[in-house]
């Protein structure tokens, strides 16, 4: 695989991951500042404190942004973080289909494209054969 092959897909996946990370960071900051109890969340994993979910979102956002930067450097760890992120995006968007069908389909397509780009073109660039060494 040449160095330019698939670079557009890698750039696309990096931009999507960075945008998703930025949105998670903003959501996290809002939730930390709100610091409220949400009764509906009482029996959930992190309890009913919005603050706890804010810190989780902040951490996830930072990981996604760092993965976006590392992905453009062809990091294999970032590639797998991106594939997992794309899968989570696709699955979570599918759950919203009954409520927002158009946006859900857009998100599903974006998630599938991220997974495709990283699965097909996210591997390491092969070393160029420079001939025998003496």
C-alpha atoms as a PDB file:
ATOM      1  CA  UNK A   1       0.000   0.000   0.000  1.00  0.00           C
ATOM      2  CA  UNK A   2       1.435   3.374  -0.952  1.00  0.00           C
ATOM      3  CA  UNK A   3       1.607   6.262   1.457  1.00  0.00           C
ATOM      4  CA  UNK A   4      -1.130   8.249  -0.323  1.00  0.00           C
ATOM      5  CA  UNK A   5      -3.515   5.329  -0.698  1.00  0.00           C
ATOM      6  CA  UNK A   6      -6.375   5.778   1.726  1.00  0.00           C
ATOM      7  CA  UNK A   7      -5.073   9.046   3.204  1.00  0.00           C
ATOM      8  CA  UNK A   8      -8.454  10.655   2.532  1.00  0.00           C
ATOM      9  CA  UNK A   9     -10.192   7.962   4.570  1.00  0.00           C
ATOM     10  CA  UNK A  10      -7.723   8.419   7.410  1.00  0.00           C
ATOM     11  CA  UNK A  11      -8.254  12.191   7.329  1.00  0.00           C
ATOM     12  CA  UNK A  12     -12.046  11.688   7.331  1.00  0.00           C
ATOM     13  CA  UNK A  13     -11.881   9.312  10.301  1.00  0.00           C
ATOM     14  CA  UNK A  14      -9.549  11.694  12.163  1.00  0.00           C
ATOM     15  CA  UNK A  15     -11.922  14.620  11.642  1.00  0.00           C
ATOM     16  CA  UNK A  16     -14.950  12.589  12.774  1.00  0.00           C
ATOM     17  CA  UNK A  17     -13.132  11.372  15.890  1.00  0.00           C
ATOM     18  CA  UNK A  18     -11.913  14.888  16.719  1.00  0.00           C
ATOM     19  CA  UNK A  19     -15.418  16.335  16.275  1.00  0.00           C
ATOM     20  CA  UNK A  20     -16.950  13.580  18.417  1.00  0.00           C
ATOM     21  CA  UNK A  21     -14.251  14.149  21.044  1.00  0.00           C
ATOM     22  CA  UNK A  22     -14.872  17.889  21.081  1.00  0.00           C
ATOM     23  CA  UNK A  23     -18.612  17.311  21.537  1.00  0.00           C
ATOM     24  CA  UNK A  24     -17.943  14.894  24.417  1.00  0.00           C
ATOM     25  CA  UNK A  25     -15.618  17.422  26.076  1.00  0.00           C
ATOM     26  CA  UNK A  26     -18.297  20.135  25.821  1.00  0.00           C
ATOM     27  CA  UNK A  27     -20.968  17.730  27.138  1.00  0.00           C
ATOM     28  CA  UNK A  28     -18.650  16.758  29.985  1.00  0.00           C
ATOM     29  CA  UNK A  29     -17.934  20.354  30.960  1.00  0.00           C
ATOM     30  CA  UNK A  30     -21.661  21.126  30.933  1.00  0.00           C
ATOM     31  CA  UNK A  31     -22.479  18.072  33.085  1.00  0.00           C
ATOM     32  CA  UNK A  32     -19.700  18.853  35.584  1.00  0.00           C
ATOM     33  CA  UNK A  33     -20.864  22.449  35.926  1.00  0.00           C
ATOM     34  CA  UNK A  34     -24.542  21.444  36.199  1.00  0.00           C
ATOM     35  CA  UNK A  35     -23.779  19.090  39.111  1.00  0.00           C
ATOM     36  CA  UNK A  36     -27.389  17.982  39.565  1.00  0.00           C
ATOM     37  CA  UNK A  37     -29.118  14.792  40.556  1.00  0.00           C
ATOM     38  CA  UNK A  38     -31.136  13.114  37.825  1.00  0.00           C
ATOM     39  CA  UNK A  39     -33.693  10.735  39.371  1.00  0.00           C
ATOM     40  CA  UNK A  40     -34.036   8.735  36.146  1.00  0.00           C
ATOM     41  CA  UNK A  41     -30.355   7.729  36.445  1.00  0.00           C
ATOM     42  CA  UNK A  42     -30.739   6.428  40.023  1.00  0.00           C
ATOM     43  CA  UNK A  43     -30.182   2.752  39.150  1.00  0.00           C
ATOM     44  CA  UNK A  44     -27.564   3.298  36.457  1.00  0.00           C
ATOM     45  CA  UNK A  45     -23.866   2.404  36.610  1.00  0.00           C
ATOM     46  CA  UNK A  46     -22.620   5.814  37.781  1.00  0.00           C
ATOM     47  CA  UNK A  47     -25.615   6.689  39.931  1.00  0.00           C
ATOM     48  CA  UNK A  48     -27.775   9.786  39.688  1.00  0.00           C
ATOM     49  CA  UNK A  49     -25.042  12.452  39.919  1.00  0.00           C
ATOM     50  CA  UNK A  50     -24.665  14.260  36.605  1.00  0.00           C
ATOM     51  CA  UNK A  51     -21.171  15.240  37.737  1.00  0.00           C
ATOM     52  CA  UNK A  52     -19.931  11.617  37.473  1.00  0.00           C
ATOM     53  CA  UNK A  53     -21.181  11.321  33.904  1.00  0.00           C
ATOM     54  CA  UNK A  54     -19.516  14.653  33.122  1.00  0.00           C
ATOM     55  CA  UNK A  55     -16.096  13.380  34.178  1.00  0.00           C
ATOM     56  CA  UNK A  56     -16.624  10.201  32.125  1.00  0.00           C
ATOM     57  CA  UNK A  57     -17.616  12.232  29.051  1.00  0.00           C
ATOM     58  CA  UNK A  58     -14.631  14.527  29.554  1.00  0.00           C
ATOM     59  CA  UNK A  59     -12.264  11.556  29.702  1.00  0.00           C
ATOM     60  CA  UNK A  60     -13.830   9.919  26.625  1.00  0.00           C
ATOM     61  CA  UNK A  61     -13.616  13.216  24.725  1.00  0.00           C
ATOM     62  CA  UNK A  62      -9.934  13.633  25.516  1.00  0.00           C
ATOM     63  CA  UNK A  63      -9.219  10.042  24.433  1.00  0.00           C
ATOM     64  CA  UNK A  64     -11.074  10.599  21.144  1.00  0.00           C
ATOM     65  CA  UNK A  65      -9.205  13.834  20.409  1.00  0.00           C
ATOM     66  CA  UNK A  66      -5.831  12.234  21.178  1.00  0.00           C
ATOM     67  CA  UNK A  67      -6.798   9.237  19.020  1.00  0.00           C
ATOM     68  CA  UNK A  68      -7.693  11.569  16.154  1.00  0.00           C
ATOM     69  CA  UNK A  69      -4.252  13.164  16.277  1.00  0.00           C
ATOM     70  CA  UNK A  70      -2.468   9.816  16.650  1.00  0.00           C
ATOM     71  CA  UNK A  71      -4.567   8.267  13.881  1.00  0.00           C
ATOM     72  CA  UNK A  72      -3.227  10.725  11.365  1.00  0.00           C
ATOM     73  CA  UNK A  73       0.244   9.494  12.372  1.00  0.00           C
ATOM     74  CA  UNK A  74      -0.944   5.928  11.504  1.00  0.00           C
ATOM     75  CA  UNK A  75      -0.990   4.727  15.119  1.00  0.00           C
ATOM     76  CA  UNK A  76      -2.435   1.212  15.355  1.00  0.00           C
ATOM     77  CA  UNK A  77      -3.806   1.834  18.843  1.00  0.00           C
ATOM     78  CA  UNK A  78      -5.618   4.923  17.549  1.00  0.00           C
ATOM     79  CA  UNK A  79      -6.928   2.862  14.628  1.00  0.00           C
ATOM     80  CA  UNK A  80      -8.595   0.398  17.006  1.00  0.00           C
ATOM     81  CA  UNK A  81      -9.912   3.193  19.220  1.00  0.00           C
ATOM     82  CA  UNK A  82     -11.420   4.717  16.067  1.00  0.00           C
ATOM     83  CA  UNK A  83     -12.995   1.445  14.968  1.00  0.00           C
ATOM     84  CA  UNK A  84     -14.528   0.956  18.425  1.00  0.00           C
ATOM     85  CA  UNK A  85     -15.679   4.588  18.426  1.00  0.00           C
ATOM     86  CA  UNK A  86     -17.280   4.134  14.996  1.00  0.00           C
ATOM     87  CA  UNK A  87     -19.034   0.970  16.170  1.00  0.00           C
ATOM     88  CA  UNK A  88     -20.384   2.700  19.273  1.00  0.00           C
ATOM     89  CA  UNK A  89     -21.525   5.641  17.123  1.00  0.00           C
ATOM     90  CA  UNK A  90     -23.341   3.297  14.734  1.00  0.00           C
ATOM     91  CA  UNK A  91     -25.014   1.218  17.439  1.00  0.00           C
ATOM     92  CA  UNK A  92     -26.090   4.211  19.511  1.00  0.00           C
ATOM     93  CA  UNK A  93     -27.460   5.973  16.409  1.00  0.00           C
ATOM     94  CA  UNK A  94     -29.506   2.883  15.551  1.00  0.00           C
ATOM     95  CA  UNK A  95     -31.237   3.158  18.929  1.00  0.00           C
ATOM     96  CA  UNK A  96     -32.415   6.663  17.997  1.00  0.00           C
ATOM     97  CA  UNK A  97     -33.961   5.604  14.655  1.00  0.00           C
ATOM     98  CA  UNK A  98     -37.596   5.739  15.879  1.00  0.00           C
ATOM     99  CA  UNK A  99     -37.140   9.256  17.264  1.00  0.00           C
ATOM    100  CA  UNK A 100     -34.920  10.972  14.657  1.00  0.00           C
ATOM    101  CA  UNK A 101     -34.740   8.754  11.569  1.00  0.00           C
ATOM    102  CA  UNK A 102     -32.879  11.114   9.217  1.00  0.00           C
ATOM    103  CA  UNK A 103     -30.172  12.126  11.693  1.00  0.00           C
ATOM    104  CA  UNK A 104     -29.838   8.554  12.884  1.00  0.00           C
ATOM    105  CA  UNK A 105     -29.235   7.338   9.341  1.00  0.00           C
ATOM    106  CA  UNK A 106     -26.669  10.089   8.780  1.00  0.00           C
ATOM    107  CA  UNK A 107     -24.836   9.074  11.960  1.00  0.00           C
ATOM    108  CA  UNK A 108     -25.029   5.387  11.022  1.00  0.00           C
ATOM    109  CA  UNK A 109     -23.487   6.098   7.615  1.00  0.00           C
ATOM    110  CA  UNK A 110     -20.739   8.215   9.189  1.00  0.00           C
ATOM    111  CA  UNK A 111     -19.961   5.435  11.670  1.00  0.00           C
ATOM    112  CA  UNK A 112     -19.871   2.804   8.929  1.00  0.00           C
ATOM    113  CA  UNK A 113     -17.584   4.999   6.801  1.00  0.00           C
ATOM    114  CA  UNK A 114     -15.209   5.496   9.743  1.00  0.00           C
ATOM    115  CA  UNK A 115     -15.083   1.745  10.358  1.00  0.00           C
ATOM    116  CA  UNK A 116     -14.543   1.046   6.644  1.00  0.00           C
ATOM    117  CA  UNK A 117     -11.806   3.635   6.260  1.00  0.00           C
ATOM    118  CA  UNK A 118      -9.906   2.441   9.304  1.00  0.00           C
ATOM    119  CA  UNK A 119     -10.365  -1.259   8.609  1.00  0.00           C
ATOM    120  CA  UNK A 120      -9.268  -1.041   4.979  1.00  0.00           C
ATOM    121  CA  UNK A 121      -6.755   1.817   4.979  1.00  0.00           C
ATOM    122  CA  UNK A 122      -5.761   2.223   8.625  1.00  0.00           C
ATOM    123  CA  UNK A 123      -2.951  -0.316   8.583  1.00  0.00           C
ATOM    124  CA  UNK A 124       0.700   0.555   8.578  1.00  0.00           C
ATOM    125  CA  UNK A 125       2.226   1.762   5.344  1.00  0.00           C
ATOM    126  CA  UNK A 126       4.481  -0.973   3.932  1.00  0.00           C
ATOM    127  CA  UNK A 127       8.149  -0.186   3.687  1.00  0.00           C
ATOM    128  CA  UNK A 128       9.298   0.695   0.195  1.00  0.00           C
ATOM    129  CA  UNK A 129      11.617  -1.945  -1.279  1.00  0.00           C
ATOM    130  CA  UNK A 130      14.836  -0.108  -2.043  1.00  0.00           C
ATOM    131  CA  UNK A 131      16.621  -3.132  -3.472  1.00  0.00           C
ATOM    132  CA  UNK A 132      19.400  -5.234  -1.995  1.00  0.00           C
ATOM    133  CA  UNK A 133      21.769  -3.684   0.494  1.00  0.00           C
ATOM    134  CA  UNK A 134      25.485  -4.222   0.234  1.00  0.00           C
END
